[in-house]
Amino acid sequence: MAFKVRWHEGISDDLQKLDKETARKIIERVNTHLIVDPVKLGKALTGQFQGLYRYQYGAYRVVYAVDLAEEKILILKVRHRKNAYQD
């Protein structure tokens, strides 16, 4: 069973900073691949980001939260790996 994806309102800013092709591929990858098993396909984060996961796509990181009870994924950030954990 596939998870439902919700995108945080700030994601559009993150995606606009990427080239269009990369942004399109990341969105497609999240909507087709990550929804299958976001816990297994991602990596659990630690420290101040404990409870969140990250999915790696090339040099980019998709930071997200998973609600297993409702089978939803909330995408919080899509950024280059150098800036993924800054805010």
PDB file of N, CA and C in Angstrom:
ATOM      1  N   MET A   1       0.843  -1.173   0.000  1.00  0.00           N
ATOM      2  CA  MET A   1       0.000   0.000   0.000  1.00  0.00           C
ATOM      3  C   MET A   1       0.893   1.242   0.000  1.00  0.00           C
ATOM      4  N   ALA A   2       0.549   2.211  -0.815  1.00  0.00           N
ATOM      5  CA  ALA A   2       1.350   3.420  -0.964  1.00  0.00           C
ATOM      6  C   ALA A   2       0.942   4.490   0.052  1.00  0.00           C
ATOM      7  N   PHE A   3       1.924   5.227   0.488  1.00  0.00           N
ATOM      8  CA  PHE A   3       1.693   6.347   1.387  1.00  0.00           C
ATOM      9  C   PHE A   3       1.222   7.551   0.573  1.00  0.00           C
ATOM     10  N   LYS A   4       0.501   8.448   1.213  1.00  0.00           N
ATOM     11  CA  LYS A   4       0.082   9.701   0.584  1.00  0.00           C
ATOM     12  C   LYS A   4       1.147  10.747   0.892  1.00  0.00           C
ATOM     13  N   VAL A   5       1.416  11.603  -0.076  1.00  0.00           N
ATOM     14  CA  VAL A   5       2.455  12.618   0.076  1.00  0.00           C
ATOM     15  C   VAL A   5       1.813  13.989   0.237  1.00  0.00           C
ATOM     16  N   ARG A   6       2.281  14.710   1.251  1.00  0.00           N
ATOM     17  CA  ARG A   6       1.919  16.118   1.428  1.00  0.00           C
ATOM     18  C   ARG A   6       3.211  16.915   1.375  1.00  0.00           C
ATOM     19  N   TRP A   7       3.178  18.046   0.726  1.00  0.00           N
ATOM     20  CA  TRP A   7       4.351  18.901   0.598  1.00  0.00           C
ATOM     21  C   TRP A   7       4.151  20.124   1.486  1.00  0.00           C
ATOM     22  N   HIS A   8       5.122  20.440   2.318  1.00  0.00           N
ATOM     23  CA  HIS A   8       5.073  21.624   3.166  1.00  0.00           C
ATOM     24  C   HIS A   8       5.020  22.857   2.273  1.00  0.00           C
ATOM     25  N   GLU A   9       4.368  23.899   2.745  1.00  0.00           N
ATOM     26  CA  GLU A   9       4.193  25.102   1.926  1.00  0.00           C
ATOM     27  C   GLU A   9       5.516  25.751   1.521  1.00  0.00           C
ATOM     28  N   GLY A  10       6.580  25.567   2.277  1.00  0.00           N
ATOM     29  CA  GLY A  10       7.878  26.154   1.943  1.00  0.00           C
ATOM     30  C   GLY A  10       8.651  25.394   0.885  1.00  0.00           C
ATOM     31  N   ILE A  11       8.161  24.242   0.489  1.00  0.00           N
ATOM     32  CA  ILE A  11       8.871  23.409  -0.491  1.00  0.00           C
ATOM     33  C   ILE A  11       8.960  24.094  -1.856  1.00  0.00           C
ATOM     34  N   SER A  12       7.963  24.855  -2.218  1.00  0.00           N
ATOM     35  CA  SER A  12       8.000  25.499  -3.533  1.00  0.00           C
ATOM     36  C   SER A  12       9.221  26.409  -3.649  1.00  0.00           C
ATOM     37  N   ASP A  13       9.609  27.068  -2.562  1.00  0.00           N
ATOM     38  CA  ASP A  13      10.820  27.898  -2.579  1.00  0.00           C
ATOM     39  C   ASP A  13      12.056  27.039  -2.795  1.00  0.00           C
ATOM     40  N   ASP A  14      12.119  25.902  -2.104  1.00  0.00           N
ATOM     41  CA  ASP A  14      13.260  24.995  -2.271  1.00  0.00           C
ATOM     42  C   ASP A  14      13.355  24.499  -3.707  1.00  0.00           C
ATOM     43  N   LEU A  15      12.224  24.095  -4.283  1.00  0.00           N
ATOM     44  CA  LEU A  15      12.229  23.537  -5.638  1.00  0.00           C
ATOM     45  C   LEU A  15      12.539  24.597  -6.691  1.00  0.00           C
ATOM     46  N   GLN A  16      12.135  25.834  -6.470  1.00  0.00           N
ATOM     47  CA  GLN A  16      12.424  26.897  -7.435  1.00  0.00           C
ATOM     48  C   GLN A  16      13.904  27.229  -7.506  1.00  0.00           C
ATOM     49  N   LYS A  17      14.644  26.928  -6.450  1.00  0.00           N
ATOM     50  CA  LYS A  17      16.080  27.182  -6.436  1.00  0.00           C
ATOM     51  C   LYS A  17      16.855  26.141  -7.240  1.00  0.00           C
ATOM     52  N   LEU A  18      16.212  25.024  -7.549  1.00  0.00           N
ATOM     53  CA  LEU A  18      16.849  23.960  -8.334  1.00  0.00           C
ATOM     54  C   LEU A  18      16.568  24.179  -9.808  1.00  0.00           C
ATOM     55  N   ASP A  19      17.390  23.559 -10.660  1.00  0.00           N
ATOM     56  CA  ASP A  19      17.051  23.613 -12.078  1.00  0.00           C
ATOM     57  C   ASP A  19      15.790  22.784 -12.294  1.00  0.00           C
ATOM     58  N   LYS A  20      15.034  23.109 -13.326  1.00  0.00           N
ATOM     59  CA  LYS A  20      13.706  22.509 -13.531  1.00  0.00           C
ATOM     60  C   LYS A  20      13.760  20.990 -13.684  1.00  0.00           C
ATOM     61  N   GLU A  21      14.761  20.502 -14.359  1.00  0.00           N
ATOM     62  CA  GLU A  21      14.870  19.059 -14.590  1.00  0.00           C
ATOM     63  C   GLU A  21      15.133  18.307 -13.283  1.00  0.00           C
ATOM     64  N   THR A  22      16.009  18.828 -12.446  1.00  0.00           N
ATOM     65  CA  THR A  22      16.296  18.197 -11.160  1.00  0.00           C
ATOM     66  C   THR A  22      15.069  18.225 -10.267  1.00  0.00           C
ATOM     67  N   ALA A  23      14.397  19.361 -10.210  1.00  0.00           N
ATOM     68  CA  ALA A  23      13.180  19.473  -9.391  1.00  0.00           C
ATOM     69  C   ALA A  23      12.123  18.478  -9.860  1.00  0.00           C
ATOM     70  N   ARG A  24      11.951  18.358 -11.174  1.00  0.00           N
ATOM     71  CA  ARG A  24      10.971  17.425 -11.727  1.00  0.00           C
ATOM     72  C   ARG A  24      11.314  15.983 -11.357  1.00  0.00           C
ATOM     73  N   LYS A  25      12.592  15.626 -11.452  1.00  0.00           N
ATOM     74  CA  LYS A  25      13.015  14.268 -11.131  1.00  0.00           C
ATOM     75  C   LYS A  25      12.834  13.949  -9.651  1.00  0.00           C
ATOM     76  N   ILE A  26      13.116  14.912  -8.793  1.00  0.00           N
ATOM     77  CA  ILE A  26      12.933  14.691  -7.355  1.00  0.00           C
ATOM     78  C   ILE A  26      11.459  14.489  -7.035  1.00  0.00           C
ATOM     79  N   ILE A  27      10.598  15.320  -7.588  1.00  0.00           N
ATOM     80  CA  ILE A  27       9.153  15.185  -7.360  1.00  0.00           C
ATOM     81  C   ILE A  27       8.662  13.836  -7.861  1.00  0.00           C
ATOM     82  N   GLU A  28       9.106  13.451  -9.048  1.00  0.00           N
ATOM     83  CA  GLU A  28       8.708  12.162  -9.618  1.00  0.00           C
ATOM     84  C   GLU A  28       9.197  11.000  -8.750  1.00  0.00           C
ATOM     85  N   ARG A  29      10.417  11.104  -8.268  1.00  0.00           N
ATOM     86  CA  ARG A  29      10.995  10.032  -7.448  1.00  0.00           C
ATOM     87  C   ARG A  29      10.238   9.882  -6.118  1.00  0.00           C
ATOM     88  N   VAL A  30       9.875  11.008  -5.523  1.00  0.00           N
ATOM     89  CA  VAL A  30       9.097  10.969  -4.278  1.00  0.00           C
ATOM     90  C   VAL A  30       7.728  10.354  -4.536  1.00  0.00           C
ATOM     91  N   ASN A  31       7.074  10.781  -5.609  1.00  0.00           N
ATOM     92  CA  ASN A  31       5.710  10.330  -5.894  1.00  0.00           C
ATOM     93  C   ASN A  31       5.610   8.907  -6.407  1.00  0.00           C
ATOM     94  N   THR A  32       6.724   8.337  -6.876  1.00  0.00           N
ATOM     95  CA  THR A  32       6.661   6.969  -7.388  1.00  0.00           C
ATOM     96  C   THR A  32       7.454   5.970  -6.554  1.00  0.00           C
ATOM     97  N   HIS A  33       8.564   6.405  -5.994  1.00  0.00           N
ATOM     98  CA  HIS A  33       9.472   5.475  -5.314  1.00  0.00           C
ATOM     99  C   HIS A  33       9.363   5.550  -3.789  1.00  0.00           C
ATOM    100  N   LEU A  34       9.441   6.750  -3.254  1.00  0.00           N
ATOM    101  CA  LEU A  34       9.461   6.915  -1.802  1.00  0.00           C
ATOM    102  C   LEU A  34       8.149   6.499  -1.151  1.00  0.00           C
ATOM    103  N   ILE A  35       7.039   6.628  -1.853  1.00  0.00           N
ATOM    104  CA  ILE A  35       5.729   6.304  -1.265  1.00  0.00           C
ATOM    105  C   ILE A  35       5.555   4.820  -0.973  1.00  0.00           C
ATOM    106  N   VAL A  36       6.384   3.992  -1.551  1.00  0.00           N
ATOM    107  CA  VAL A  36       6.261   2.553  -1.350  1.00  0.00           C
ATOM    108  C   VAL A  36       6.605   2.167   0.083  1.00  0.00           C
ATOM    109  N   ASP A  37       7.740   2.638   0.589  1.00  0.00           N
ATOM    110  CA  ASP A  37       8.158   2.341   1.962  1.00  0.00           C
ATOM    111  C   ASP A  37       9.113   3.436   2.441  1.00  0.00           C
ATOM    112  N   PRO A  38       8.584   4.569   2.905  1.00  0.00           N
ATOM    113  CA  PRO A  38       9.436   5.703   3.263  1.00  0.00           C
ATOM    114  C   PRO A  38      10.367   5.446   4.443  1.00  0.00           C
ATOM    115  N   VAL A  39      10.020   4.526   5.324  1.00  0.00           N
ATOM    116  CA  VAL A  39      10.886   4.231   6.464  1.00  0.00           C
ATOM    117  C   VAL A  39      12.101   3.419   6.012  1.00  0.00           C
ATOM    118  N   LYS A  40      11.862   2.428   5.185  1.00  0.00           N
ATOM    119  CA  LYS A  40      12.938   1.564   4.711  1.00  0.00           C
ATOM    120  C   LYS A  40      13.834   2.276   3.681  1.00  0.00           C
ATOM    121  N   LEU A  41      13.251   3.076   2.812  1.00  0.00           N
ATOM    122  CA  LEU A  41      14.010   3.725   1.747  1.00  0.00           C
ATOM    123  C   LEU A  41      14.762   4.967   2.229  1.00  0.00           C
ATOM    124  N   GLY A  42      14.325   5.548   3.332  1.00  0.00           N
ATOM    125  CA  GLY A  42      14.994   6.723   3.872  1.00  0.00           C
ATOM    126  C   GLY A  42      15.939   6.340   4.992  1.00  0.00           C
ATOM    127  N   LYS A  43      16.583   7.334   5.535  1.00  0.00           N
ATOM    128  CA  LYS A  43      17.474   7.118   6.671  1.00  0.00           C
ATOM    129  C   LYS A  43      16.967   7.971   7.824  1.00  0.00           C
ATOM    130  N   ALA A  44      16.827   7.359   8.994  1.00  0.00           N
ATOM    131  CA  ALA A  44      16.365   8.089  10.172  1.00  0.00           C
ATOM    132  C   ALA A  44      17.433   9.087  10.597  1.00  0.00           C
ATOM    133  N   LEU A  45      17.020  10.305  10.903  1.00  0.00           N
ATOM    134  CA  LEU A  45      17.945  11.335  11.342  1.00  0.00           C
ATOM    135  C   LEU A  45      18.058  11.324  12.863  1.00  0.00           C
ATOM    136  N   THR A  46      19.117  11.908  13.363  1.00  0.00           N
ATOM    137  CA  THR A  46      19.365  11.938  14.801  1.00  0.00           C
ATOM    138  C   THR A  46      19.546  13.378  15.269  1.00  0.00           C
ATOM    139  N   GLY A  47      19.793  13.532  16.548  1.00  0.00           N
ATOM    140  CA  GLY A  47      20.040  14.855  17.112  1.00  0.00           C
ATOM    141  C   GLY A  47      18.793  15.713  17.080  1.00  0.00           C
ATOM    142  N   GLN A  48      18.952  16.958  16.672  1.00  0.00           N
ATOM    143  CA  GLN A  48      17.814  17.872  16.642  1.00  0.00           C
ATOM    144  C   GLN A  48      16.781  17.489  15.591  1.00  0.00           C
ATOM    145  N   PHE A  49      17.135  16.614  14.681  1.00  0.00           N
ATOM    146  CA  PHE A  49      16.211  16.161  13.645  1.00  0.00           C
ATOM    147  C   PHE A  49      15.637  14.782  13.939  1.00  0.00           C
ATOM    148  N   GLN A  50      15.786  14.322  15.151  1.00  0.00           N
ATOM    149  CA  GLN A  50      15.281  12.998  15.528  1.00  0.00           C
ATOM    150  C   GLN A  50      13.785  12.915  15.252  1.00  0.00           C
ATOM    151  N   GLY A  51      13.360  11.810  14.682  1.00  0.00           N
ATOM    152  CA  GLY A  51      11.960  11.622  14.314  1.00  0.00           C
ATOM    153  C   GLY A  51      11.692  11.918  12.853  1.00  0.00           C
ATOM    154  N   LEU A  52      12.685  12.505  12.171  1.00  0.00           N
ATOM    155  CA  LEU A  52      12.563  12.791  10.743  1.00  0.00           C
ATOM    156  C   LEU A  52      13.432  11.816   9.960  1.00  0.00           C
ATOM    157  N   TYR A  53      13.205  11.796   8.659  1.00  0.00           N
ATOM    158  CA  TYR A  53      13.967  10.934   7.761  1.00  0.00           C
ATOM    159  C   TYR A  53      14.525  11.777   6.636  1.00  0.00           C
ATOM    160  N   ARG A  54      15.533  11.216   5.975  1.00  0.00           N
ATOM    161  CA  ARG A  54      16.039  11.857   4.768  1.00  0.00           C
ATOM    162  C   ARG A  54      16.127  10.826   3.654  1.00  0.00           C
ATOM    163  N   TYR A  55      15.842  11.287   2.459  1.00  0.00           N
ATOM    164  CA  TYR A  55      15.945  10.471   1.261  1.00  0.00           C
ATOM    165  C   TYR A  55      16.971  11.150   0.371  1.00  0.00           C
ATOM    166  N   GLN A  56      17.906  10.407  -0.115  1.00  0.00           N
ATOM    167  CA  GLN A  56      18.990  10.953  -0.920  1.00  0.00           C
ATOM    168  C   GLN A  56      18.669  10.798  -2.397  1.00  0.00           C
ATOM    169  N   TYR A  57      18.799  11.908  -3.125  1.00  0.00           N
ATOM    170  CA  TYR A  57      18.689  11.865  -4.576  1.00  0.00           C
ATOM    171  C   TYR A  57      19.893  12.631  -5.118  1.00  0.00           C
ATOM    172  N   GLY A  58      20.918  11.922  -5.506  1.00  0.00           N
ATOM    173  CA  GLY A  58      22.152  12.553  -5.966  1.00  0.00           C
ATOM    174  C   GLY A  58      22.748  13.398  -4.862  1.00  0.00           C
ATOM    175  N   ALA A  59      22.996  14.663  -5.150  1.00  0.00           N
ATOM    176  CA  ALA A  59      23.564  15.578  -4.161  1.00  0.00           C
ATOM    177  C   ALA A  59      22.485  16.275  -3.348  1.00  0.00           C
ATOM    178  N   TYR A  60      21.239  15.874  -3.525  1.00  0.00           N
ATOM    179  CA  TYR A  60      20.122  16.527  -2.846  1.00  0.00           C
ATOM    180  C   TYR A  60      19.530  15.629  -1.769  1.00  0.00           C
ATOM    181  N   ARG A  61      18.960  16.273  -0.762  1.00  0.00           N
ATOM    182  CA  ARG A  61      18.331  15.558   0.335  1.00  0.00           C
ATOM    183  C   ARG A  61      16.884  16.002   0.458  1.00  0.00           C
ATOM    184  N   VAL A  62      16.007  15.036   0.606  1.00  0.00           N
ATOM    185  CA  VAL A  62      14.598  15.282   0.871  1.00  0.00           C
ATOM    186  C   VAL A  62      14.392  14.934   2.337  1.00  0.00           C
ATOM    187  N   VAL A  63      14.051  15.916   3.154  1.00  0.00           N
ATOM    188  CA  VAL A  63      13.829  15.703   4.584  1.00  0.00           C
ATOM    189  C   VAL A  63      12.319  15.620   4.791  1.00  0.00           C
ATOM    190  N   TYR A  64      11.884  14.575   5.491  1.00  0.00           N
ATOM    191  CA  TYR A  64      10.445  14.349   5.626  1.00  0.00           C
ATOM    192  C   TYR A  64      10.089  13.681   6.945  1.00  0.00           C
ATOM    193  N   ALA A  65       8.808  13.773   7.285  1.00  0.00           N
ATOM    194  CA  ALA A  65       8.259  13.101   8.463  1.00  0.00           C
ATOM    195  C   ALA A  65       7.292  12.033   7.974  1.00  0.00           C
ATOM    196  N   VAL A  66       7.178  10.956   8.741  1.00  0.00           N
ATOM    197  CA  VAL A  66       6.294   9.848   8.365  1.00  0.00           C
ATOM    198  C   VAL A  66       5.244   9.655   9.458  1.00  0.00           C
ATOM    199  N   ASP A  67       3.991   9.561   9.033  1.00  0.00           N
ATOM    200  CA  ASP A  67       2.892   9.228   9.942  1.00  0.00           C
ATOM    201  C   ASP A  67       2.430   7.827   9.556  1.00  0.00           C
ATOM    202  N   LEU A  68       2.896   6.833  10.301  1.00  0.00           N
ATOM    203  CA  LEU A  68       2.577   5.443   9.970  1.00  0.00           C
ATOM    204  C   LEU A  68       1.100   5.127  10.165  1.00  0.00           C
ATOM    205  N   ALA A  69       0.474   5.727  11.177  1.00  0.00           N
ATOM    206  CA  ALA A  69      -0.936   5.445  11.466  1.00  0.00           C
ATOM    207  C   ALA A  69      -1.838   5.879  10.314  1.00  0.00           C
ATOM    208  N   GLU A  70      -1.552   7.043   9.735  1.00  0.00           N
ATOM    209  CA  GLU A  70      -2.378   7.554   8.638  1.00  0.00           C
ATOM    210  C   GLU A  70      -1.763   7.297   7.268  1.00  0.00           C
ATOM    211  N   GLU A  71      -0.582   6.671   7.253  1.00  0.00           N
ATOM    212  CA  GLU A  71       0.143   6.374   6.020  1.00  0.00           C
ATOM    213  C   GLU A  71       0.339   7.621   5.165  1.00  0.00           C
ATOM    214  N   LYS A  72       0.961   8.627   5.795  1.00  0.00           N
ATOM    215  CA  LYS A  72       1.241   9.888   5.119  1.00  0.00           C
ATOM    216  C   LYS A  72       2.706  10.255   5.281  1.00  0.00           C
ATOM    217  N   ILE A  73       3.219  10.948   4.281  1.00  0.00           N
ATOM    218  CA  ILE A  73       4.564  11.497   4.310  1.00  0.00           C
ATOM    219  C   ILE A  73       4.423  13.005   4.167  1.00  0.00           C
ATOM    220  N   LEU A  74       5.101  13.761   5.030  1.00  0.00           N
ATOM    221  CA  LEU A  74       5.126  15.218   4.915  1.00  0.00           C
ATOM    222  C   LEU A  74       6.540  15.621   4.524  1.00  0.00           C
ATOM    223  N   ILE A  75       6.682  16.128   3.305  1.00  0.00           N
ATOM    224  CA  ILE A  75       7.977  16.571   2.799  1.00  0.00           C
ATOM    225  C   ILE A  75       8.244  17.965   3.362  1.00  0.00           C
ATOM    226  N   LEU A  76       9.347  18.106   4.090  1.00  0.00           N
ATOM    227  CA  LEU A  76       9.659  19.364   4.772  1.00  0.00           C
ATOM    228  C   LEU A  76      10.691  20.218   4.043  1.00  0.00           C
ATOM    229  N   LYS A  77      11.706  19.573   3.450  1.00  0.00           N
ATOM    230  CA  LYS A  77      12.773  20.293   2.763  1.00  0.00           C
ATOM    231  C   LYS A  77      13.267  19.491   1.577  1.00  0.00           C
ATOM    232  N   VAL A  78      13.697  20.202   0.552  1.00  0.00           N
ATOM    233  CA  VAL A  78      14.419  19.605  -0.568  1.00  0.00           C
ATOM    234  C   VAL A  78      15.572  20.551  -0.847  1.00  0.00           C
ATOM    235  N   ARG A  79      16.773  20.123  -0.468  1.00  0.00           N
ATOM    236  CA  ARG A  79      17.925  21.020  -0.588  1.00  0.00           C
ATOM    237  C   ARG A  79      19.189  20.241  -0.938  1.00  0.00           C
ATOM    238  N   HIS A  80      20.179  20.994  -1.387  1.00  0.00           N
ATOM    239  CA  HIS A  80      21.494  20.411  -1.630  1.00  0.00           C
ATOM    240  C   HIS A  80      22.044  19.899  -0.303  1.00  0.00           C
ATOM    241  N   ARG A  81      22.839  18.869  -0.361  1.00  0.00           N
ATOM    242  CA  ARG A  81      23.325  18.224   0.864  1.00  0.00           C
ATOM    243  C   ARG A  81      24.084  19.174   1.784  1.00  0.00           C
ATOM    244  N   LYS A  82      24.724  20.212   1.235  1.00  0.00           N
ATOM    245  CA  LYS A  82      25.464  21.164   2.064  1.00  0.00           C
ATOM    246  C   LYS A  82      24.524  22.008   2.927  1.00  0.00           C
ATOM    247  N   ASN A  83      23.302  22.224   2.451  1.00  0.00           N
ATOM    248  CA  ASN A  83      22.363  23.121   3.136  1.00  0.00           C
ATOM    249  C   ASN A  83      21.146  22.411   3.691  1.00  0.00           C
ATOM    250  N   ALA A  84      21.084  21.118   3.580  1.00  0.00           N
ATOM    251  CA  ALA A  84      19.859  20.378   3.922  1.00  0.00           C
ATOM    252  C   ALA A  84      19.482  20.480   5.375  1.00  0.00           C
ATOM    253  N   TYR A  85      20.447  20.622   6.257  1.00  0.00           N
ATOM    254  CA  TYR A  85      20.147  20.589   7.689  1.00  0.00           C
ATOM    255  C   TYR A  85      20.309  21.954   8.340  1.00  0.00           C
ATOM    256  N   GLN A  86      20.318  22.988   7.518  1.00  0.00           N
ATOM    257  CA  GLN A  86      20.359  24.359   8.026  1.00  0.00           C
ATOM    258  C   GLN A  86      19.003  25.011   7.813  1.00  0.00           C
ATOM    259  N   ASP A  87      18.742  26.023   8.620  1.00  0.00           N
ATOM    260  CA  ASP A  87      17.486  26.742   8.388  1.00  0.00           C
ATOM    261  C   ASP A  87      17.576  28.177   8.731  1.00  0.00           C
TER     262      ASP A  87
END
